[in-house]
Amino acid sequence: MLSPFYQQHADHISISREQGCRFAKCVADDYNPLHDKDAKKFCVPGDLLFSLVLNQYGISEKMEFTFAGMVDETTKLSFPEGADEFDITSGEKVMLKVKRDGKTSQCQTLTDSLIKNYVEFSGTTFPHVIIPLMGKQDVMINPARPMVIYESMLINLDTLDIHAPTLEFAEPSFEYTGKRGKITLRFNLLEEGKKVGNGEKHMLVSGIREYCQDTVDDLISFYNQRKETLKPVA
């Protein structure tokens, strides 16, 4: 499932601009300009790193991921032996911190399903969830430089005896001070309609400004136009 989106070398993994861009747009439905292959400051989608960890180490009952560094096409990712806590590194720099607890499943069906459903959930949050959430407090992101950074995420599963869990949105929250804030997006995991777990995605926002409906309308229109123009053929 993930093989088109990374390159396996003898002692590390790398991700090209083309691979990161295609994952963002074809798999995650994510049109953040940072993931464009010709972006000045290109950044590999955090959801691709998350997916690679699940693919390599399996699914644990409790998992926490903290994004510590920006990965680009020059980054050489080293994946260590699995443990309760470990770091994905590039040289001396930590790029992703991973914590796990409880039992672990190596079921590829479960892994592929969780990756697909989480990444689709994650990619739809901007602008459809984030902008209205901030708007409730009469603020918005800076449309000229929308800085929304993926900080961390966690998943808690009640059981690993599942095969194709789907995600549903739970109540999100947003708090801010001055021009900086934090968004917490929550979700439940369901198997055949029964809740089997939950999770959270944490994002940092900077450049917060007073809400303006006309500007929001323009931003959403611009985003939708980008999506229509840039959607690659899968």
C-alpha atoms as a PDB file:
ATOM      1  CA  MET A   1       0.000   0.000   0.000  1.00  0.00           C
ATOM      2  CA  LEU A   2       2.775   2.471   0.897  1.00  0.00           C
ATOM      3  CA  SER A   3       5.533   1.240  -1.433  1.00  0.00           C
ATOM      4  CA  PRO A   4       4.907   3.946  -4.088  1.00  0.00           C
ATOM      5  CA  PHE A   5       5.526   6.677  -1.515  1.00  0.00           C
ATOM      6  CA  TYR A   6       9.019   5.995  -0.168  1.00  0.00           C
ATOM      7  CA  GLN A   7      12.410   4.598  -1.139  1.00  0.00           C
ATOM      8  CA  GLN A   8      14.092   1.855   0.903  1.00  0.00           C
ATOM      9  CA  HIS A   9      17.880   2.127   1.025  1.00  0.00           C
ATOM     10  CA  ALA A  10      20.368  -0.158   2.776  1.00  0.00           C
ATOM     11  CA  ASP A  11      20.267   1.701   6.082  1.00  0.00           C
ATOM     12  CA  HIS A  12      17.570   4.352   5.740  1.00  0.00           C
ATOM     13  CA  ILE A  13      14.334   5.442   4.077  1.00  0.00           C
ATOM     14  CA  SER A  14      13.921   8.573   1.978  1.00  0.00           C
ATOM     15  CA  ILE A  15      10.884  10.284   0.476  1.00  0.00           C
ATOM     16  CA  SER A  16      11.116  12.354  -2.697  1.00  0.00           C
ATOM     17  CA  ARG A  17       9.154  15.532  -3.323  1.00  0.00           C
ATOM     18  CA  GLU A  18       7.049  13.681  -5.909  1.00  0.00           C
ATOM     19  CA  GLN A  19       6.284  10.838  -3.482  1.00  0.00           C
ATOM     20  CA  GLY A  20       5.334  13.151  -0.603  1.00  0.00           C
ATOM     21  CA  CYS A  21       3.194  15.280  -2.908  1.00  0.00           C
ATOM     22  CA  ARG A  22       1.345  12.281  -4.374  1.00  0.00           C
ATOM     23  CA  PHE A  23       0.665  10.799  -0.926  1.00  0.00           C
ATOM     24  CA  ALA A  24      -0.756  14.117   0.291  1.00  0.00           C
ATOM     25  CA  LYS A  25      -3.041  14.581  -2.700  1.00  0.00           C
ATOM     26  CA  CYS A  26      -3.925  11.003  -3.730  1.00  0.00           C
ATOM     27  CA  VAL A  27      -4.187   9.326  -0.314  1.00  0.00           C
ATOM     28  CA  ALA A  28      -4.720  12.054   2.298  1.00  0.00           C
ATOM     29  CA  ASP A  29      -6.702  14.541   0.175  1.00  0.00           C
ATOM     30  CA  ASP A  30      -4.396  17.160   1.718  1.00  0.00           C
ATOM     31  CA  TYR A  31      -3.656  20.286  -0.317  1.00  0.00           C
ATOM     32  CA  ASN A  32      -1.406  22.119   2.132  1.00  0.00           C
ATOM     33  CA  PRO A  33       1.043  24.107  -0.090  1.00  0.00           C
ATOM     34  CA  LEU A  34       3.956  22.793   2.029  1.00  0.00           C
ATOM     35  CA  HIS A  35       3.399  19.399   0.376  1.00  0.00           C
ATOM     36  CA  ASP A  36       3.544  20.665  -3.215  1.00  0.00           C
ATOM     37  CA  LYS A  37       6.493  19.111  -5.048  1.00  0.00           C
ATOM     38  CA  ASP A  38       7.730  22.551  -6.128  1.00  0.00           C
ATOM     39  CA  ALA A  39       7.209  24.229  -2.726  1.00  0.00           C
ATOM     40  CA  LYS A  40      10.066  26.482  -1.653  1.00  0.00           C
ATOM     41  CA  LYS A  41      10.084  24.817   1.775  1.00  0.00           C
ATOM     42  CA  PHE A  42       8.778  21.353   0.943  1.00  0.00           C
ATOM     43  CA  CYS A  43       7.686  19.167   3.876  1.00  0.00           C
ATOM     44  CA  VAL A  44       6.752  15.471   3.812  1.00  0.00           C
ATOM     45  CA  PRO A  45       3.204  14.959   5.225  1.00  0.00           C
ATOM     46  CA  GLY A  46       3.257  13.916   8.883  1.00  0.00           C
ATOM     47  CA  ASP A  47       0.567  11.355   8.076  1.00  0.00           C
ATOM     48  CA  LEU A  48       3.008   9.555   5.758  1.00  0.00           C
ATOM     49  CA  LEU A  49       5.525   9.212   8.617  1.00  0.00           C
ATOM     50  CA  PHE A  50       2.744   7.945  10.890  1.00  0.00           C
ATOM     51  CA  SER A  51       1.731   5.425   8.220  1.00  0.00           C
ATOM     52  CA  LEU A  52       5.295   4.170   7.749  1.00  0.00           C
ATOM     53  CA  VAL A  53       5.617   3.548  11.503  1.00  0.00           C
ATOM     54  CA  LEU A  54       2.392   1.526  11.608  1.00  0.00           C
ATOM     55  CA  ASN A  55       3.475  -0.411   8.530  1.00  0.00           C
ATOM     56  CA  GLN A  56       6.824  -1.324  10.085  1.00  0.00           C
ATOM     57  CA  TYR A  57       5.937  -1.873  13.756  1.00  0.00           C
ATOM     58  CA  GLY A  58       2.263  -2.900  13.696  1.00  0.00           C
ATOM     59  CA  ILE A  59      -0.677  -1.602  15.728  1.00  0.00           C
ATOM     60  CA  SER A  60      -0.454  -1.258  19.524  1.00  0.00           C
ATOM     61  CA  GLU A  61      -3.378  -0.727  21.879  1.00  0.00           C
ATOM     62  CA  LYS A  62      -2.003   2.669  22.885  1.00  0.00           C
ATOM     63  CA  MET A  63       0.135   4.754  20.539  1.00  0.00           C
ATOM     64  CA  GLU A  64       1.423   8.311  20.742  1.00  0.00           C
ATOM     65  CA  PHE A  65       3.330  10.173  18.036  1.00  0.00           C
ATOM     66  CA  THR A  66       5.150  13.488  18.513  1.00  0.00           C
ATOM     67  CA  PHE A  67       6.490  15.290  15.448  1.00  0.00           C
ATOM     68  CA  ALA A  68       9.838  16.821  16.300  1.00  0.00           C
ATOM     69  CA  GLY A  69      11.372  17.776  12.946  1.00  0.00           C
ATOM     70  CA  MET A  70      10.429  18.797   9.406  1.00  0.00           C
ATOM     71  CA  VAL A  71      11.161  15.989   6.929  1.00  0.00           C
ATOM     72  CA  ASP A  72      12.065  16.907   3.346  1.00  0.00           C
ATOM     73  CA  GLU A  73      13.500  15.125   0.310  1.00  0.00           C
ATOM     74  CA  THR A  74      17.047  15.224   1.718  1.00  0.00           C
ATOM     75  CA  THR A  75      16.131  13.551   5.033  1.00  0.00           C
ATOM     76  CA  LYS A  76      17.516  10.050   5.638  1.00  0.00           C
ATOM     77  CA  LEU A  77      15.095   8.347   8.037  1.00  0.00           C
ATOM     78  CA  SER A  78      16.445   5.624  10.335  1.00  0.00           C
ATOM     79  CA  PHE A  79      13.938   3.185  11.861  1.00  0.00           C
ATOM     80  CA  PRO A  80      15.290   1.414  14.995  1.00  0.00           C
ATOM     81  CA  GLU A  81      14.225  -1.861  16.581  1.00  0.00           C
ATOM     82  CA  GLY A  82      10.702  -1.683  18.000  1.00  0.00           C
ATOM     83  CA  ALA A  83      10.352  -0.838  21.710  1.00  0.00           C
ATOM     84  CA  ASP A  84       7.905   0.832  24.091  1.00  0.00           C
ATOM     85  CA  GLU A  85       9.556   4.147  23.220  1.00  0.00           C
ATOM     86  CA  PHE A  86      11.754   4.909  20.225  1.00  0.00           C
ATOM     87  CA  ASP A  87      12.712   7.743  17.882  1.00  0.00           C
ATOM     88  CA  ILE A  88      12.736   7.951  14.097  1.00  0.00           C
ATOM     89  CA  THR A  89      15.903   9.916  13.381  1.00  0.00           C
ATOM     90  CA  SER A  90      17.911  11.514  10.603  1.00  0.00           C
ATOM     91  CA  GLY A  91      21.547  11.572  11.665  1.00  0.00           C
ATOM     92  CA  GLU A  92      21.582  13.063  15.168  1.00  0.00           C
ATOM     93  CA  LYS A  93      18.214  14.777  14.750  1.00  0.00           C
ATOM     94  CA  VAL A  94      14.960  13.299  16.083  1.00  0.00           C
ATOM     95  CA  MET A  95      12.152  13.595  13.522  1.00  0.00           C
ATOM     96  CA  LEU A  96       9.366  11.581  15.179  1.00  0.00           C
ATOM     97  CA  LYS A  97       9.000  10.297  18.747  1.00  0.00           C
ATOM     98  CA  VAL A  98       6.898   7.158  19.257  1.00  0.00           C
ATOM     99  CA  LYS A  99       5.426   5.714  22.470  1.00  0.00           C
ATOM    100  CA  ARG A 100       3.526   2.409  22.587  1.00  0.00           C
ATOM    101  CA  ASP A 101       1.806   0.408  25.300  1.00  0.00           C
ATOM    102  CA  GLY A 102      -0.269  -2.765  25.537  1.00  0.00           C
ATOM    103  CA  LYS A 103      -0.533  -5.616  23.067  1.00  0.00           C
ATOM    104  CA  THR A 104       0.587  -5.295  19.446  1.00  0.00           C
ATOM    105  CA  SER A 105      -0.996  -6.681  16.273  1.00  0.00           C
ATOM    106  CA  GLN A 106       0.899  -7.325  13.035  1.00  0.00           C
ATOM    107  CA  CYS A 107      -2.338  -7.868  11.068  1.00  0.00           C
ATOM    108  CA  GLN A 108      -1.742  -6.217   7.695  1.00  0.00           C
ATOM    109  CA  THR A 109      -5.486  -5.873   7.037  1.00  0.00           C
ATOM    110  CA  LEU A 110      -5.923  -3.893  10.260  1.00  0.00           C
ATOM    111  CA  THR A 111      -2.810  -1.814   9.565  1.00  0.00           C
ATOM    112  CA  ASP A 112      -3.877  -0.891   6.023  1.00  0.00           C
ATOM    113  CA  SER A 113      -7.423  -0.083   7.160  1.00  0.00           C
ATOM    114  CA  LEU A 114      -6.313   2.131  10.046  1.00  0.00           C
ATOM    115  CA  ILE A 115      -3.823   3.980   7.843  1.00  0.00           C
ATOM    116  CA  LYS A 116      -6.404   4.580   5.099  1.00  0.00           C
ATOM    117  CA  ASN A 117      -9.198   5.692   7.418  1.00  0.00           C
ATOM    118  CA  TYR A 118      -7.054   7.881   9.698  1.00  0.00           C
ATOM    119  CA  VAL A 119      -5.279   9.620   6.829  1.00  0.00           C
ATOM    120  CA  GLU A 120      -8.589  10.348   5.071  1.00  0.00           C
ATOM    121  CA  PHE A 121      -9.977  11.771   8.332  1.00  0.00           C
ATOM    122  CA  SER A 122      -6.865  13.845   8.901  1.00  0.00           C
ATOM    123  CA  GLY A 123      -6.818  15.296   5.395  1.00  0.00           C
ATOM    124  CA  THR A 124     -10.397  16.596   5.519  1.00  0.00           C
ATOM    125  CA  THR A 125      -9.921  18.757   8.606  1.00  0.00           C
ATOM    126  CA  PHE A 126      -8.730  21.828   6.675  1.00  0.00           C
ATOM    127  CA  PRO A 127     -10.608  23.967   5.888  1.00  0.00           C
ATOM    128  CA  HIS A 128     -13.884  22.193   6.656  1.00  0.00           C
ATOM    129  CA  VAL A 129     -13.353  21.688  10.411  1.00  0.00           C
ATOM    130  CA  ILE A 130     -10.566  24.044  11.437  1.00  0.00           C
ATOM    131  CA  ILE A 131     -11.938  27.295   9.979  1.00  0.00           C
ATOM    132  CA  PRO A 132     -15.461  26.980  11.508  1.00  0.00           C
ATOM    133  CA  LEU A 133     -13.932  25.849  14.835  1.00  0.00           C
ATOM    134  CA  MET A 134     -11.781  28.985  15.043  1.00  0.00           C
ATOM    135  CA  GLY A 135     -14.648  31.095  13.734  1.00  0.00           C
ATOM    136  CA  LYS A 136     -16.717  30.268  16.825  1.00  0.00           C
ATOM    137  CA  GLN A 137     -14.242  32.438  18.740  1.00  0.00           C
ATOM    138  CA  ASP A 138     -14.233  35.158  16.051  1.00  0.00           C
ATOM    139  CA  VAL A 139     -10.681  34.462  14.882  1.00  0.00           C
ATOM    140  CA  MET A 140      -9.077  32.878  11.820  1.00  0.00           C
ATOM    141  CA  ILE A 141      -5.711  31.872  10.407  1.00  0.00           C
ATOM    142  CA  ASN A 142      -3.603  34.298   8.383  1.00  0.00           C
ATOM    143  CA  PRO A 143      -4.752  33.653   4.780  1.00  0.00           C
ATOM    144  CA  ALA A 144      -1.465  34.932   3.347  1.00  0.00           C
ATOM    145  CA  ARG A 145       0.541  32.487   5.427  1.00  0.00           C
ATOM    146  CA  PRO A 146      -1.689  29.818   6.986  1.00  0.00           C
ATOM    147  CA  MET A 147       0.649  28.242   9.553  1.00  0.00           C
ATOM    148  CA  VAL A 148      -1.034  25.101  10.882  1.00  0.00           C
ATOM    149  CA  ILE A 149       1.555  22.620  12.168  1.00  0.00           C
ATOM    150  CA  TYR A 150       0.964  18.986  13.034  1.00  0.00           C
ATOM    151  CA  GLU A 151       2.278  18.601  16.612  1.00  0.00           C
ATOM    152  CA  SER A 152       1.213  15.150  17.830  1.00  0.00           C
ATOM    153  CA  MET A 153      -1.481  12.490  17.739  1.00  0.00           C
ATOM    154  CA  LEU A 154      -2.561   9.514  19.821  1.00  0.00           C
ATOM    155  CA  ILE A 155      -4.744   6.452  19.383  1.00  0.00           C
ATOM    156  CA  ASN A 156      -6.233   4.247  22.117  1.00  0.00           C
ATOM    157  CA  LEU A 157      -7.799   0.912  21.131  1.00  0.00           C
ATOM    158  CA  ASP A 158      -9.997  -1.120  23.488  1.00  0.00           C
ATOM    159  CA  THR A 159      -9.246  -4.298  21.540  1.00  0.00           C
ATOM    160  CA  LEU A 160      -7.029  -5.498  18.686  1.00  0.00           C
ATOM    161  CA  ASP A 161      -9.617  -8.081  17.621  1.00  0.00           C
ATOM    162  CA  ILE A 162     -10.771  -5.813  14.801  1.00  0.00           C
ATOM    163  CA  HIS A 163     -10.103  -5.676  11.070  1.00  0.00           C
ATOM    164  CA  ALA A 164     -11.555  -2.565   9.439  1.00  0.00           C
ATOM    165  CA  PRO A 165     -12.236   0.240  11.934  1.00  0.00           C
ATOM    166  CA  THR A 166     -13.769   3.435  10.604  1.00  0.00           C
ATOM    167  CA  LEU A 167     -13.382   6.911  12.092  1.00  0.00           C
ATOM    168  CA  GLU A 168     -16.044   9.389  13.120  1.00  0.00           C
ATOM    169  CA  PHE A 169     -15.478  12.952  14.287  1.00  0.00           C
ATOM    170  CA  ALA A 170     -15.883  13.699  17.995  1.00  0.00           C
ATOM    171  CA  GLU A 171     -16.070  17.158  19.596  1.00  0.00           C
ATOM    172  CA  PRO A 172     -12.993  19.251  18.674  1.00  0.00           C
ATOM    173  CA  SER A 173     -11.592  22.131  20.733  1.00  0.00           C
ATOM    174  CA  PHE A 174      -9.566  25.284  20.121  1.00  0.00           C
ATOM    175  CA  GLU A 175      -7.808  27.579  22.571  1.00  0.00           C
ATOM    176  CA  TYR A 176      -5.540  30.514  21.880  1.00  0.00           C
ATOM    177  CA  THR A 177      -3.581  33.366  23.412  1.00  0.00           C
ATOM    178  CA  GLY A 178      -2.650  36.291  21.215  1.00  0.00           C
ATOM    179  CA  LYS A 179      -1.599  35.073  17.791  1.00  0.00           C
ATOM    180  CA  ARG A 180      -0.898  31.463  18.778  1.00  0.00           C
ATOM    181  CA  GLY A 181      -3.271  28.641  19.531  1.00  0.00           C
ATOM    182  CA  LYS A 182      -3.804  24.893  19.722  1.00  0.00           C
ATOM    183  CA  ILE A 183      -6.424  22.801  17.948  1.00  0.00           C
ATOM    184  CA  THR A 184      -7.415  19.353  19.262  1.00  0.00           C
ATOM    185  CA  LEU A 185      -9.316  17.202  16.776  1.00  0.00           C
ATOM    186  CA  ARG A 186     -10.953  14.142  18.335  1.00  0.00           C
ATOM    187  CA  PHE A 187     -12.292  10.976  16.766  1.00  0.00           C
ATOM    188  CA  ASN A 188     -13.840   7.643  17.690  1.00  0.00           C
ATOM    189  CA  LEU A 189     -12.948   4.318  16.078  1.00  0.00           C
ATOM    190  CA  LEU A 190     -15.864   2.074  15.170  1.00  0.00           C
ATOM    191  CA  GLU A 191     -16.038  -1.576  14.113  1.00  0.00           C
ATOM    192  CA  GLU A 192     -19.425  -2.609  12.719  1.00  0.00           C
ATOM    193  CA  GLY A 193     -21.007   0.383  14.458  1.00  0.00           C
ATOM    194  CA  LYS A 194     -19.497  -0.382  17.874  1.00  0.00           C
ATOM    195  CA  LYS A 195     -16.970   1.975  19.471  1.00  0.00           C
ATOM    196  CA  VAL A 196     -13.606   0.196  19.810  1.00  0.00           C
ATOM    197  CA  GLY A 197     -11.309   3.135  20.540  1.00  0.00           C
ATOM    198  CA  ASN A 198     -10.624   6.842  20.254  1.00  0.00           C
ATOM    199  CA  GLY A 199      -7.901   9.276  19.355  1.00  0.00           C
ATOM    200  CA  GLU A 200      -6.758  12.879  19.100  1.00  0.00           C
ATOM    201  CA  LYS A 201      -4.770  14.981  16.657  1.00  0.00           C
ATOM    202  CA  HIS A 202      -3.054  18.099  18.033  1.00  0.00           C
ATOM    203  CA  MET A 203      -2.167  21.044  15.819  1.00  0.00           C
ATOM    204  CA  LEU A 204      -0.441  24.353  16.517  1.00  0.00           C
ATOM    205  CA  VAL A 205      -1.643  27.544  14.819  1.00  0.00           C
ATOM    206  CA  SER A 206       0.192  30.848  14.512  1.00  0.00           C
ATOM    207  CA  GLY A 207      -0.617  34.186  12.900  1.00  0.00           C
ATOM    208  CA  ILE A 208      -4.141  34.212  14.329  1.00  0.00           C
ATOM    209  CA  ARG A 209      -6.171  37.279  13.381  1.00  0.00           C
ATOM    210  CA  GLU A 210      -9.701  38.686  13.721  1.00  0.00           C
ATOM    211  CA  TYR A 211     -12.365  36.785  11.788  1.00  0.00           C
ATOM    212  CA  CYS A 212     -13.508  38.209   8.443  1.00  0.00           C
ATOM    213  CA  GLN A 213     -16.207  36.344   6.510  1.00  0.00           C
ATOM    214  CA  ASP A 214     -15.188  37.718   3.101  1.00  0.00           C
ATOM    215  CA  THR A 215     -11.587  36.631   3.672  1.00  0.00           C
ATOM    216  CA  VAL A 216     -12.731  33.186   4.828  1.00  0.00           C
ATOM    217  CA  ASP A 217     -14.898  32.819   1.719  1.00  0.00           C
ATOM    218  CA  ASP A 218     -11.937  33.749  -0.484  1.00  0.00           C
ATOM    219  CA  LEU A 219      -9.649  31.319   1.365  1.00  0.00           C
ATOM    220  CA  ILE A 220     -12.057  28.394   0.985  1.00  0.00           C
ATOM    221  CA  SER A 221     -12.624  29.251  -2.684  1.00  0.00           C
ATOM    222  CA  PHE A 222      -8.856  29.373  -3.246  1.00  0.00           C
ATOM    223  CA  TYR A 223      -8.408  26.029  -1.464  1.00  0.00           C
ATOM    224  CA  ASN A 224     -11.150  24.347  -3.505  1.00  0.00           C
ATOM    225  CA  GLN A 225      -9.699  25.746  -6.726  1.00  0.00           C
ATOM    226  CA  ARG A 226      -6.228  24.433  -5.785  1.00  0.00           C
ATOM    227  CA  LYS A 227      -7.751  21.032  -5.095  1.00  0.00           C
ATOM    228  CA  GLU A 228      -9.514  20.926  -8.462  1.00  0.00           C
ATOM    229  CA  THR A 229      -6.448  22.115 -10.360  1.00  0.00           C
ATOM    230  CA  LEU A 230      -3.785  20.029  -8.600  1.00  0.00           C
ATOM    231  CA  LYS A 231      -5.595  16.721  -8.066  1.00  0.00           C
ATOM    232  CA  PRO A 232      -3.282  14.201  -9.792  1.00  0.00           C
ATOM    233  CA  VAL A 233      -4.442  11.123 -11.626  1.00  0.00           C
ATOM    234  CA  ALA A 234      -4.014   8.269  -9.113  1.00  0.00           C
END
